[in-house]
Amino acid sequence: MTEGYRPTWVDVDLDAIRHNARVLKPETAELMAVVKANGYGHGDVEVARAALDAGATWAGVALVEEGLRLREAGIEAPILVLSELPPGSEGVALAHRLTPTLASDGGLGRLAAAARGSVPVHLKVDTGMHRVGVWPPEEAPGFARRVQDAGLEVEGLFTHFARSEEDDPTTDVQLARFLGAAGAVRSAGVSPRVLHAANSAATILHPTSHLDLVRPGIALYGIEPAPGVGAHLDLRPALSWRSRVSGIRRLAAGEAISYGHRYRLERDSWVATVPVGYADGYPRQLTNLGSALIGGRRHLIAGTVTMDQLMVDCGDDEVQVGEEVVLIGRQGNESIEADALGRLFGTIGYEIVSRIGERVPRRCS
């Protein structure tokens, strides 16, 4: 979409993406840039290109539609769809050289019927996440044989960790299960070229999980998968969210603001209106909790966040219409991080950035 007229936008620093890809890539393994959910809200095509420029060799997506978008933009690198293809999408996915994930006999049957000759696939093994994958892992060799007998090429075998950012023993158990399944698959006469397991936290904390390929998601965008995880890597946040003051008024102590009058001024204050709201992805849960930077100072979100606008209590700071507002990012010596914003109402930085809506234009540079 065009940038339009409303002064609310996201800046994406592609040099930060390149930096993060370089520091996350192990010397002994390939790197898959996970760009699902529009690149975690950053812009999937632009992020994929930047990561590939920096040494990534794969892209990972959640949806067929996301893979098609990358292909339509001219991205030629292998693209793995990280879950089984929805029924009916097999033909178009294969026609655009998307690499399918298989984890069930139903998915295998549909894909084999749509394939014209051998196509590369990756098999997912459930080692304890219990979301997607062949379970129990002991079933993986038989499933791999059925995939190969159906004329498909088992290019990859992978799993996903449930607690790699916080719990070493659980991760060790999952990795041992996965390596055991991989060995059994090979003993059954199926030889996947690529074994992969490491998400962002495992890429950072568990070198033994790097195998042939790592799949960082949130860390690629410069957001720590958990507080302190990756601090030594100097990950650089790539996204900032900005707007401008659209209105300013002086209100007396005792005046209440926004729907429900859930915020009442304790002193005479300047109150700024900012043209961004929950329809843009700014969480309504940050009512009276979130803050914005104006003039290099931190000010509280005042009253209920509305669909298209929010208000900011600027106290005695007489800000000006048109002045820049930072919702995520740095201004002067102050900064607001996505993780910190999420913790205010019990969520994570992943959700904060990925929920920023399509009507907020991205400016990538």
Protein backbone atom coordinates (compact mmCIF):
# COMPACT_ATOMS: atom_id res chain seq x y z
CA MET A 1 0.00 0.00 0.00
CA THR A 2 1.08 3.61 -0.39
CA GLU A 3 2.18 5.47 2.69
CA GLY A 4 -0.99 7.53 2.55
CA TYR A 5 -1.62 10.67 4.54
CA ARG A 6 -1.83 9.67 8.20
CA PRO A 7 1.55 10.27 9.86
CA THR A 8 2.02 6.83 11.42
CA TRP A 9 4.66 4.45 10.12
CA VAL A 10 7.21 1.74 10.90
CA ASP A 11 10.90 2.11 10.08
CA VAL A 12 12.81 -1.12 9.41
CA ASP A 13 16.60 -1.04 9.51
CA LEU A 14 17.72 -3.69 7.01
CA ASP A 15 21.35 -3.26 8.06
CA ALA A 16 20.26 -4.48 11.50
CA ILE A 17 18.72 -7.56 9.86
CA ARG A 18 21.96 -8.22 8.00
CA HIS A 19 23.99 -7.78 11.17
CA ASN A 20 21.76 -10.14 13.14
CA ALA A 21 21.88 -12.78 10.41
CA ARG A 22 25.67 -12.66 10.38
CA VAL A 23 26.10 -12.98 14.14
CA LEU A 24 23.48 -15.74 14.42
CA LYS A 25 24.82 -17.92 11.60
CA PRO A 26 27.10 -20.68 12.92
CA GLU A 27 30.28 -21.40 11.01
CA THR A 28 29.28 -25.03 10.54
CA ALA A 29 25.60 -24.72 9.61
CA GLU A 30 23.32 -22.98 7.15
CA LEU A 31 20.81 -20.35 8.27
CA MET A 32 17.11 -20.22 7.47
CA ALA A 33 15.56 -16.77 7.86
CA VAL A 34 12.10 -17.33 9.34
CA VAL A 35 9.95 -14.59 7.81
CA LYS A 36 6.45 -15.81 8.65
CA ALA A 37 3.75 -13.35 9.74
CA ASN A 38 5.06 -10.68 7.35
CA GLY A 39 8.53 -11.02 8.78
CA TYR A 40 7.23 -10.73 12.35
CA GLY A 41 5.65 -7.46 11.30
CA HIS A 42 8.82 -6.08 9.69
CA GLY A 43 8.07 -6.86 6.03
CA ASP A 44 8.74 -10.38 4.78
CA VAL A 45 10.16 -9.68 1.32
CA GLU A 46 12.56 -6.98 2.44
CA VAL A 47 13.74 -8.97 5.46
CA ALA A 48 14.23 -12.13 3.40
CA ARG A 49 16.33 -10.26 0.85
CA ALA A 50 18.48 -8.66 3.56
CA ALA A 51 19.03 -11.96 5.37
CA LEU A 52 19.93 -13.75 2.13
CA ASP A 53 22.38 -10.94 1.33
CA ALA A 54 24.01 -11.60 4.72
CA GLY A 55 24.49 -15.33 4.22
CA ALA A 56 21.16 -17.02 4.85
CA THR A 57 20.45 -19.78 2.34
CA TRP A 58 16.81 -20.59 3.16
CA ALA A 59 13.59 -18.78 4.03
CA GLY A 60 10.94 -20.25 6.32
CA VAL A 61 7.23 -19.41 6.27
CA ALA A 62 4.09 -20.64 8.01
CA LEU A 63 1.64 -20.32 5.12
CA VAL A 64 1.60 -21.21 1.45
CA GLU A 65 0.44 -17.66 0.77
CA GLU A 66 3.56 -16.31 2.50
CA GLY A 67 5.77 -18.48 0.31
CA LEU A 68 3.98 -17.36 -2.83
CA ARG A 69 4.51 -13.74 -1.86
CA LEU A 70 8.28 -14.31 -1.67
CA ARG A 71 8.32 -16.08 -5.02
CA GLU A 72 6.26 -13.32 -6.65
CA ALA A 73 8.86 -10.84 -5.38
CA GLY A 74 11.57 -12.78 -7.20
CA ILE A 75 13.16 -14.60 -4.27
CA GLU A 76 14.69 -17.82 -5.62
CA ALA A 77 16.15 -19.36 -2.45
CA PRO A 78 14.59 -22.54 -1.06
CA ILE A 79 11.46 -21.77 0.96
CA LEU A 80 10.23 -24.23 3.58
CA VAL A 81 6.56 -24.17 4.61
CA LEU A 82 6.97 -25.10 8.26
CA SER A 83 3.66 -26.95 8.68
CA GLU A 84 1.81 -29.38 6.44
CA LEU A 85 0.20 -27.87 3.37
CA PRO A 86 -3.55 -27.27 3.73
CA PRO A 87 -5.65 -29.64 1.60
CA GLY A 88 -5.99 -28.29 -1.91
CA SER A 89 -2.88 -26.13 -1.82
CA GLU A 90 -0.41 -28.84 -2.82
CA GLY A 91 -0.43 -28.15 -6.55
CA VAL A 92 0.18 -24.41 -6.33
CA ALA A 93 2.84 -24.87 -3.65
CA LEU A 94 4.76 -27.34 -5.78
CA ALA A 95 4.34 -25.24 -8.92
CA HIS A 96 6.12 -22.40 -7.11
CA ARG A 97 8.84 -24.66 -5.73
CA LEU A 98 7.83 -24.32 -2.09
CA THR A 99 9.32 -27.11 0.00
CA PRO A 100 6.54 -28.93 1.89
CA THR A 101 6.60 -30.26 5.43
CA LEU A 102 5.11 -33.70 6.00
CA ALA A 103 3.98 -35.11 9.34
CA SER A 104 0.98 -37.35 8.60
CA ASP A 105 -0.13 -40.05 6.20
CA GLY A 106 -3.02 -37.84 5.09
CA GLY A 107 -0.62 -35.07 4.12
CA LEU A 108 1.60 -37.61 2.40
CA GLY A 109 -1.27 -38.99 0.33
CA ARG A 110 -2.40 -35.57 -0.85
CA LEU A 111 1.13 -34.44 -1.71
CA ALA A 112 2.01 -37.65 -3.56
CA ALA A 113 -1.15 -37.30 -5.64
CA ALA A 114 -0.25 -33.72 -6.58
CA ALA A 115 3.44 -34.30 -7.27
CA ARG A 116 4.72 -34.98 -10.75
CA GLY A 117 7.89 -36.90 -10.08
CA SER A 118 10.17 -36.61 -7.09
CA VAL A 119 9.99 -33.39 -5.08
CA PRO A 120 12.01 -32.52 -1.95
CA VAL A 121 10.14 -32.60 1.35
CA HIS A 122 11.04 -32.16 5.02
CA LEU A 123 9.61 -34.47 7.66
CA LYS A 124 8.78 -33.03 11.06
CA VAL A 125 9.22 -35.15 14.19
CA ASP A 126 7.44 -34.28 17.43
CA THR A 127 10.01 -34.63 20.22
CA GLY A 128 8.00 -32.97 22.98
CA MET A 129 6.46 -29.75 21.71
CA HIS A 130 3.27 -31.71 20.91
CA ARG A 131 2.01 -29.31 18.29
CA VAL A 132 2.98 -30.73 14.88
CA GLY A 133 5.04 -33.74 13.86
CA VAL A 134 5.31 -37.51 13.80
CA TRP A 135 4.66 -38.87 17.29
CA PRO A 136 6.13 -40.86 18.90
CA PRO A 137 9.57 -40.32 17.33
CA GLU A 138 9.93 -44.07 16.96
CA GLU A 139 7.35 -43.85 14.18
CA ALA A 140 9.63 -41.60 12.10
CA PRO A 141 11.56 -44.39 10.27
CA GLY A 142 8.40 -46.07 9.03
CA PHE A 143 6.89 -42.77 7.95
CA ALA A 144 10.09 -41.79 6.16
CA ARG A 145 10.05 -45.08 4.28
CA ARG A 146 6.46 -44.48 3.18
CA VAL A 147 7.39 -41.00 1.95
CA GLN A 148 10.32 -42.37 -0.02
CA ASP A 149 8.28 -45.26 -1.41
CA ALA A 150 5.72 -42.70 -2.64
CA GLY A 151 8.41 -41.27 -4.90
CA LEU A 152 9.21 -38.17 -2.84
CA GLU A 153 12.69 -37.07 -1.79
CA VAL A 154 13.22 -36.83 1.96
CA GLU A 155 15.54 -33.83 1.84
CA GLY A 156 15.19 -32.80 5.48
CA LEU A 157 14.22 -33.96 8.94
CA PHE A 158 13.44 -31.47 11.70
CA THR A 159 11.87 -30.80 15.07
CA HIS A 160 11.03 -27.80 17.26
CA PHE A 161 12.05 -27.06 20.85
CA ALA A 162 9.52 -26.11 23.50
CA ARG A 163 11.75 -24.53 26.16
CA SER A 164 15.14 -23.81 24.63
CA GLU A 165 15.21 -20.27 26.04
CA GLU A 166 14.74 -21.39 29.65
CA ASP A 167 15.35 -25.08 30.30
CA ASP A 168 18.47 -27.03 29.32
CA PRO A 169 17.33 -30.53 30.43
CA THR A 170 14.12 -30.40 28.38
CA THR A 171 16.05 -29.23 25.33
CA ASP A 172 18.65 -31.96 25.82
CA VAL A 173 15.91 -34.61 25.98
CA GLN A 174 14.26 -33.29 22.83
CA LEU A 175 17.56 -33.15 20.96
CA ALA A 176 18.43 -36.71 22.01
CA ARG A 177 15.03 -37.93 20.84
CA PHE A 178 15.50 -36.17 17.53
CA LEU A 179 19.01 -37.49 16.92
CA GLY A 180 17.80 -40.97 17.82
CA ALA A 181 14.97 -40.66 15.31
CA ALA A 182 17.37 -39.35 12.65
CA GLY A 183 19.68 -42.30 13.18
CA ALA A 184 16.80 -44.73 12.93
CA VAL A 185 15.56 -43.04 9.73
CA ARG A 186 18.98 -43.48 8.17
CA SER A 187 19.14 -47.09 9.32
CA ALA A 188 15.83 -47.60 7.52
CA GLY A 189 17.48 -46.60 4.25
CA VAL A 190 16.35 -42.95 4.08
CA SER A 191 19.12 -40.33 4.08
CA PRO A 192 17.94 -36.73 4.63
CA ARG A 193 20.57 -34.20 3.63
CA VAL A 194 19.50 -31.56 6.17
CA LEU A 195 18.81 -32.05 9.87
CA HIS A 196 17.54 -28.99 11.71
CA ALA A 197 16.17 -28.20 15.16
CA ALA A 198 17.47 -24.86 16.45
CA ASN A 199 15.10 -21.93 16.85
CA SER A 200 16.40 -18.53 18.02
CA ALA A 201 17.15 -19.51 21.61
CA ALA A 202 18.74 -22.82 20.65
CA THR A 203 20.84 -21.09 18.01
CA ILE A 204 22.17 -18.81 20.76
CA LEU A 205 22.35 -21.17 23.76
CA HIS A 206 22.71 -24.73 22.44
CA PRO A 207 25.51 -25.16 19.89
CA THR A 208 25.02 -28.93 19.82
CA SER A 209 21.59 -28.32 18.27
CA HIS A 210 22.94 -26.43 15.25
CA LEU A 211 23.25 -29.60 13.11
CA ASP A 212 23.03 -28.71 9.39
CA LEU A 213 20.73 -25.68 9.60
CA VAL A 214 19.48 -23.19 12.18
CA ARG A 215 16.09 -21.43 12.02
CA PRO A 216 16.21 -18.13 13.94
CA GLY A 217 13.00 -16.16 13.98
CA ILE A 218 12.66 -13.41 16.57
CA ALA A 219 16.41 -13.01 17.10
CA LEU A 220 16.84 -12.18 13.41
CA TYR A 221 14.81 -9.04 14.14
CA GLY A 222 17.00 -8.06 17.08
CA ILE A 223 14.56 -9.06 19.80
CA GLU A 224 15.84 -11.42 22.48
CA PRO A 225 13.87 -14.71 22.69
CA ALA A 226 13.93 -14.25 26.47
CA PRO A 227 15.42 -11.50 28.65
CA GLY A 228 19.19 -11.62 28.40
CA VAL A 229 19.31 -14.41 25.82
CA GLY A 230 21.62 -13.15 23.09
CA ALA A 231 22.81 -10.04 24.93
CA HIS A 232 26.42 -11.00 24.20
CA LEU A 233 25.72 -11.03 20.45
CA ASP A 234 24.81 -7.34 20.23
CA LEU A 235 21.56 -8.10 18.43
CA ARG A 236 20.17 -4.91 16.93
CA PRO A 237 16.44 -4.19 17.00
CA ALA A 238 15.39 -3.56 13.42
CA LEU A 239 11.96 -2.02 13.95
CA SER A 240 10.84 1.35 15.25
CA TRP A 241 7.23 2.54 15.27
CA ARG A 242 6.61 6.26 14.95
CA SER A 243 3.81 8.77 14.57
CA ARG A 244 3.25 12.49 15.03
CA VAL A 245 1.18 14.58 17.40
CA SER A 246 -2.10 15.41 15.67
CA GLY A 247 -3.63 17.51 18.43
CA ILE A 248 -2.74 19.13 21.75
CA ARG A 249 -4.88 20.65 24.48
CA ARG A 250 -4.40 21.99 28.00
CA LEU A 251 -6.71 20.29 30.48
CA ALA A 252 -7.33 21.06 34.12
CA ALA A 253 -6.71 18.71 37.01
CA GLY A 254 -9.70 16.42 37.49
CA GLU A 255 -10.58 16.12 33.81
CA ALA A 256 -11.04 12.52 32.61
CA ILE A 257 -9.85 11.21 29.24
CA SER A 258 -11.08 8.79 26.55
CA TYR A 259 -13.75 6.08 26.59
CA GLY A 260 -14.92 5.11 30.05
CA HIS A 261 -13.04 8.01 31.63
CA ARG A 262 -10.50 5.51 32.99
CA TYR A 263 -7.78 8.13 33.36
CA ARG A 264 -8.23 11.28 35.41
CA LEU A 265 -5.65 14.06 35.47
CA GLU A 266 -4.06 14.69 38.86
CA ARG A 267 -2.71 18.08 37.75
CA ASP A 268 -3.14 20.58 34.95
CA SER A 269 -1.56 18.94 31.89
CA TRP A 270 -0.94 19.12 28.20
CA VAL A 271 -2.60 16.12 26.55
CA ALA A 272 -1.52 15.07 23.07
CA THR A 273 -3.57 13.08 20.58
CA VAL A 274 -1.63 10.60 18.41
CA PRO A 275 -3.20 9.03 15.29
CA VAL A 276 -2.57 5.35 16.06
CA GLY A 277 -4.78 2.82 17.83
CA TYR A 278 -5.66 -0.80 18.36
CA ALA A 279 -6.78 -1.21 14.74
CA ASP A 280 -3.12 -0.60 13.87
CA GLY A 281 -1.99 -3.20 16.38
CA TYR A 282 -1.20 -0.96 19.33
CA PRO A 283 -2.58 -3.05 22.21
CA ARG A 284 -5.67 -1.77 23.96
CA GLN A 285 -4.28 -3.56 27.04
CA LEU A 286 -1.68 -0.80 27.29
CA THR A 287 -4.37 1.65 28.39
CA ASN A 288 -2.84 3.64 31.28
CA LEU A 289 0.25 1.37 31.14
CA GLY A 290 2.10 2.07 27.93
CA SER A 291 4.20 5.10 27.21
CA ALA A 292 5.37 7.15 24.24
CA LEU A 293 8.44 9.27 23.65
CA ILE A 294 7.87 12.90 22.68
CA GLY A 295 10.63 15.46 22.75
CA GLY A 296 13.01 12.86 24.10
CA ARG A 297 10.89 12.29 27.22
CA ARG A 298 8.71 9.38 28.27
CA HIS A 299 5.02 10.11 28.77
CA LEU A 300 2.15 7.86 29.85
CA ILE A 301 -0.63 6.70 27.54
CA ALA A 302 -3.63 8.43 29.09
CA GLY A 303 -6.98 6.68 29.01
CA THR A 304 -8.38 3.94 26.84
CA VAL A 305 -6.52 3.23 23.61
CA THR A 306 -9.13 3.72 20.88
CA MET A 307 -9.38 2.17 17.45
CA ASP A 308 -7.53 4.89 15.55
CA GLN A 309 -6.04 7.21 18.18
CA LEU A 310 -4.55 7.35 21.62
CA MET A 311 -3.84 10.16 24.06
CA VAL A 312 -0.65 10.96 25.93
CA ASP A 313 -0.32 12.86 29.20
CA CYS A 314 2.57 15.26 28.60
CA GLY A 315 2.33 17.06 31.93
CA ASP A 316 3.94 20.48 31.72
CA ASP A 317 5.68 19.73 28.41
CA GLU A 318 3.94 21.83 25.79
CA VAL A 319 4.54 19.65 22.75
CA GLN A 320 3.67 20.80 19.26
CA VAL A 321 1.34 19.45 16.59
CA GLY A 322 3.51 17.56 14.11
CA GLU A 323 6.11 16.62 16.69
CA GLU A 324 7.46 13.06 16.38
CA VAL A 325 6.10 10.36 18.67
CA VAL A 326 7.98 7.09 19.24
CA LEU A 327 5.94 4.05 20.26
CA ILE A 328 8.76 1.53 19.78
CA GLY A 329 12.35 2.61 19.32
CA ARG A 330 14.71 5.34 20.46
CA GLN A 331 14.39 9.09 20.77
CA GLY A 332 17.22 11.02 22.38
CA ASN A 333 18.47 9.09 25.40
CA GLU A 334 15.19 7.21 25.91
CA SER A 335 14.00 4.01 24.29
CA ILE A 336 10.95 1.74 24.31
CA GLU A 337 11.58 -1.91 23.47
CA ALA A 338 8.97 -4.31 22.15
CA ASP A 339 9.78 -6.84 24.88
CA ALA A 340 9.35 -4.29 27.65
CA LEU A 341 6.07 -3.14 26.13
CA GLY A 342 4.80 -6.71 26.04
CA ARG A 343 5.76 -7.43 29.64
CA LEU A 344 3.48 -4.62 30.80
CA PHE A 345 0.47 -6.81 30.08
CA GLY A 346 1.90 -10.29 30.21
CA THR A 347 2.91 -11.00 26.63
CA ILE A 348 6.13 -11.11 24.59
CA GLY A 349 7.87 -8.91 22.08
CA TYR A 350 6.98 -11.38 19.30
CA GLU A 351 3.31 -10.49 19.67
CA ILE A 352 3.89 -6.76 19.86
CA VAL A 353 5.76 -6.49 16.55
CA SER A 354 3.83 -9.14 14.63
CA ARG A 355 0.45 -7.56 15.40
CA ILE A 356 1.32 -4.21 13.78
CA GLY A 357 -1.30 -3.99 11.05
CA GLU A 358 -1.08 -3.63 7.30
CA ARG A 359 -2.45 -0.11 7.37
CA VAL A 360 0.79 1.01 9.03
CA PRO A 361 3.27 1.45 6.16
CA ARG A 362 6.78 0.02 6.48
CA ARG A 363 9.74 2.11 5.42
CA CYS A 364 12.67 -0.24 4.87
CA SER A 365 16.15 1.13 4.40
